[in-house]
């Protein structure tokens, strides 16, 4: 719901039925672009956060999914980011990033699906690049929840990383979009750790 803007000092907190919880619809942030990081690079990084993995030494930096053939590989080729293709034991297409500045930049973002750390400078990218990060993530771990009527339509981003769920909420506040986080402990998926 959108409410009339009221200064906090004018809200009557003495009577519970008159209380309103003030929330931010958007927050200002300092935009600091990273020129070499294009919108396409941001999509790749978003997908890597959703479906990427590394080995212990960070020598193998990979992303996977059936969507990489149409959505990610053309971007890698367009920007001359070196990679090799293979299929994992389940037959899912995978990309291994080869030696490049881009691989060096992304290799420390994903430590595991429970430990994803976005570099602070990514939060200060222009809105179109933040949208591209979210879109890349959506390609890998997003779903469209249509609900029972047109009021319930929403995009859902799923993650096992609690920190990343908060990071997405922060990005949403930069973009003026409200993201709600809910924790699913009994999700019926693989493992017993919660999904956000």
Protein backbone atom coordinates (compact mmCIF):
# COMPACT_ATOMS: atom_id res chain seq x y z
CA UNK A 1 0.00 0.00 0.00
CA UNK A 2 1.07 3.57 -0.62
CA UNK A 3 0.41 5.96 2.24
CA UNK A 4 0.47 9.71 2.45
CA UNK A 5 3.89 11.00 3.48
CA UNK A 6 3.83 12.01 7.15
CA UNK A 7 6.85 13.21 9.14
CA UNK A 8 7.74 10.78 11.90
CA UNK A 9 7.33 13.51 14.54
CA UNK A 10 3.64 13.81 13.54
CA UNK A 11 2.77 10.12 14.08
CA UNK A 12 0.81 9.48 17.27
CA UNK A 13 2.53 6.48 18.89
CA UNK A 14 0.53 6.70 22.13
CA UNK A 15 -2.48 4.76 20.82
CA UNK A 16 -1.84 1.42 19.11
CA UNK A 17 -4.64 1.77 16.56
CA UNK A 18 -3.16 5.03 15.29
CA UNK A 19 0.35 3.69 14.89
CA UNK A 20 1.78 3.28 11.44
CA UNK A 21 5.07 1.61 10.78
CA UNK A 22 7.21 3.92 8.66
CA UNK A 23 9.22 2.12 5.99
CA UNK A 24 11.39 3.34 3.15
CA UNK A 25 10.15 2.78 -0.37
CA UNK A 26 13.55 3.70 -1.72
CA UNK A 27 16.78 5.01 -0.26
CA UNK A 28 19.23 7.32 -1.94
CA UNK A 29 22.65 5.93 -2.68
CA UNK A 30 25.86 7.20 -4.18
CA UNK A 31 26.19 5.93 -7.74
CA UNK A 32 29.77 4.99 -8.65
CA UNK A 33 29.88 3.25 -11.98
CA UNK A 34 32.53 0.69 -12.89
CA UNK A 35 32.98 1.46 -16.57
CA UNK A 36 34.46 -1.87 -17.67
CA UNK A 37 31.58 -3.72 -15.99
CA UNK A 38 28.82 -3.58 -18.61
CA UNK A 39 25.17 -4.55 -18.21
CA UNK A 40 26.07 -7.91 -19.80
CA UNK A 41 28.84 -8.49 -17.26
CA UNK A 42 26.33 -7.79 -14.50
CA UNK A 43 23.94 -10.41 -15.92
CA UNK A 44 26.77 -12.95 -15.91
CA UNK A 45 27.69 -12.05 -12.31
CA UNK A 46 24.04 -12.39 -11.27
CA UNK A 47 23.84 -15.83 -12.85
CA UNK A 48 27.12 -16.81 -11.22
CA UNK A 49 25.68 -15.86 -7.81
CA UNK A 50 22.69 -18.11 -8.51
CA UNK A 51 24.33 -21.13 -10.13
CA UNK A 52 28.07 -20.62 -9.73
CA UNK A 53 30.60 -22.64 -7.79
CA UNK A 54 34.33 -22.75 -7.20
CA UNK A 55 36.80 -25.30 -5.95
CA UNK A 56 38.78 -24.87 -2.74
CA UNK A 57 41.74 -23.15 -4.45
CA UNK A 58 39.50 -20.94 -6.64
CA UNK A 59 41.25 -22.33 -9.72
CA UNK A 60 37.96 -23.66 -11.12
CA UNK A 61 35.30 -20.95 -11.32
CA UNK A 62 32.14 -22.25 -12.99
CA UNK A 63 28.46 -21.66 -13.54
CA UNK A 64 25.87 -24.12 -14.78
CA UNK A 65 22.28 -24.57 -15.90
CA UNK A 66 20.28 -25.30 -19.01
CA UNK A 67 19.80 -21.56 -19.48
CA UNK A 68 23.51 -20.81 -20.02
CA UNK A 69 23.41 -21.95 -23.64
CA UNK A 70 21.07 -19.16 -24.73
CA UNK A 71 21.50 -16.61 -21.95
CA UNK A 72 25.13 -16.65 -20.77
CA UNK A 73 27.42 -18.13 -23.43
CA UNK A 74 26.47 -15.48 -26.07
CA UNK A 75 27.44 -12.75 -23.55
CA UNK A 76 30.77 -14.44 -22.81
CA UNK A 77 31.50 -14.66 -26.53
CA UNK A 78 30.40 -11.05 -27.15
CA UNK A 79 32.84 -9.73 -24.52
CA UNK A 80 35.67 -12.17 -25.30
CA UNK A 81 35.59 -13.72 -21.84
CA UNK A 82 37.48 -17.03 -22.20
CA UNK A 83 35.65 -20.18 -21.11
CA UNK A 84 35.23 -23.87 -21.78
CA UNK A 85 32.00 -25.83 -21.90
CA UNK A 86 31.26 -29.22 -20.39
CA UNK A 87 28.39 -31.22 -18.89
CA UNK A 88 28.33 -32.34 -15.28
CA UNK A 89 27.52 -35.89 -14.14
CA UNK A 90 23.79 -35.13 -14.43
CA UNK A 91 24.14 -33.87 -18.00
CA UNK A 92 23.64 -30.20 -17.08
CA UNK A 93 25.59 -27.73 -19.25
CA UNK A 94 28.41 -25.94 -17.41
CA UNK A 95 30.86 -23.16 -18.19
CA UNK A 96 34.33 -22.96 -16.66
CA UNK A 97 35.81 -19.46 -16.76
CA UNK A 98 39.40 -19.46 -17.99
CA UNK A 99 42.19 -17.10 -16.95
CA UNK A 100 40.99 -13.52 -17.31
CA UNK A 101 40.47 -10.34 -15.32
CA UNK A 102 36.76 -11.17 -15.18
CA UNK A 103 37.43 -14.56 -13.58
CA UNK A 104 39.69 -12.89 -11.02
CA UNK A 105 36.95 -10.38 -10.22
CA UNK A 106 34.16 -12.93 -9.64
CA UNK A 107 36.07 -15.83 -8.06
CA UNK A 108 35.64 -14.61 -4.46
CA UNK A 109 31.93 -13.79 -4.74
CA UNK A 110 30.72 -17.38 -4.35
CA UNK A 111 32.36 -19.50 -1.66
CA UNK A 112 29.38 -21.88 -1.43
CA UNK A 113 25.63 -21.61 -1.89
CA UNK A 114 25.45 -20.59 1.78
CA UNK A 115 28.27 -18.03 1.55
CA UNK A 116 27.87 -15.47 -1.24
CA UNK A 117 29.58 -12.12 -0.74
CA UNK A 118 28.79 -9.24 -3.08
CA UNK A 119 31.62 -6.70 -3.27
CA UNK A 120 30.49 -3.35 -1.83
CA UNK A 121 31.16 -1.54 -5.11
CA UNK A 122 28.39 -3.55 -6.82
CA UNK A 123 25.78 -1.89 -4.59
CA UNK A 124 26.77 1.51 -6.02
CA UNK A 125 26.29 0.63 -9.69
CA UNK A 126 23.75 2.61 -11.74
CA UNK A 127 20.16 1.28 -11.61
CA UNK A 128 20.30 -0.44 -15.01
CA UNK A 129 23.29 -2.50 -13.88
CA UNK A 130 21.61 -3.39 -10.57
CA UNK A 131 18.59 -4.55 -12.59
CA UNK A 132 20.93 -6.66 -14.75
CA UNK A 133 22.41 -8.32 -11.63
CA UNK A 134 18.91 -9.22 -10.47
CA UNK A 135 17.94 -10.44 -13.94
CA UNK A 136 21.01 -12.66 -14.17
CA UNK A 137 20.17 -14.13 -10.77
CA UNK A 138 16.55 -14.62 -11.83
CA UNK A 139 17.67 -16.62 -14.87
CA UNK A 140 19.40 -19.06 -12.54
CA UNK A 141 17.33 -19.16 -9.33
CA UNK A 142 14.19 -17.17 -9.99
CA UNK A 143 10.56 -18.11 -10.47
CA UNK A 144 7.42 -16.21 -11.32
CA UNK A 145 4.69 -16.63 -8.71
CA UNK A 146 1.41 -15.76 -10.41
CA UNK A 147 -0.75 -16.21 -7.31
CA UNK A 148 -4.52 -16.45 -7.47
CA UNK A 149 -5.15 -13.06 -9.04
CA UNK A 150 -3.34 -10.23 -10.78
CA UNK A 151 -2.57 -8.52 -7.45
CA UNK A 152 -0.38 -11.42 -6.29
CA UNK A 153 2.00 -11.54 -9.26
CA UNK A 154 5.58 -11.45 -8.07
CA UNK A 155 9.08 -12.47 -8.98
CA UNK A 156 10.70 -14.80 -6.47
CA UNK A 157 14.45 -15.06 -6.00
CA UNK A 158 15.50 -18.12 -3.99
CA UNK A 159 18.79 -18.49 -2.13
CA UNK A 160 20.33 -20.57 0.63
CA UNK A 161 22.44 -17.56 1.67
CA UNK A 162 20.81 -15.35 4.30
CA UNK A 163 23.27 -12.52 3.60
CA UNK A 164 22.37 -12.50 -0.10
CA UNK A 165 18.66 -12.20 0.70
CA UNK A 166 19.46 -9.02 2.65
CA UNK A 167 21.68 -7.80 -0.18
CA UNK A 168 18.80 -8.17 -2.64
CA UNK A 169 16.54 -6.24 -0.29
CA UNK A 170 19.16 -3.46 -0.23
CA UNK A 171 19.31 -3.44 -4.04
CA UNK A 172 15.51 -3.26 -4.13
CA UNK A 173 15.61 -0.18 -1.90
CA UNK A 174 18.09 1.45 -4.30
CA UNK A 175 15.73 0.68 -7.18
CA UNK A 176 12.57 1.77 -5.36
CA UNK A 177 11.13 -1.76 -5.25
CA UNK A 178 10.02 -3.48 -2.09
CA UNK A 179 11.49 -6.96 -1.59
CA UNK A 180 10.12 -9.09 1.21
CA UNK A 181 12.23 -11.87 2.72
CA UNK A 182 10.74 -15.02 4.10
CA UNK A 183 12.56 -17.99 5.54
CA UNK A 184 11.44 -21.49 4.58
CA UNK A 185 12.70 -24.12 7.00
CA UNK A 186 10.50 -26.98 5.73
CA UNK A 187 10.82 -26.46 1.99
CA UNK A 188 10.91 -30.07 0.79
CA UNK A 189 14.08 -29.39 -1.19
CA UNK A 190 17.53 -30.87 -0.86
CA UNK A 191 19.14 -30.50 2.57
CA UNK A 192 17.83 -29.26 5.88
CA UNK A 193 19.14 -25.69 5.83
CA UNK A 194 16.57 -22.93 5.21
CA UNK A 195 15.87 -21.25 1.91
CA UNK A 196 15.22 -17.51 1.75
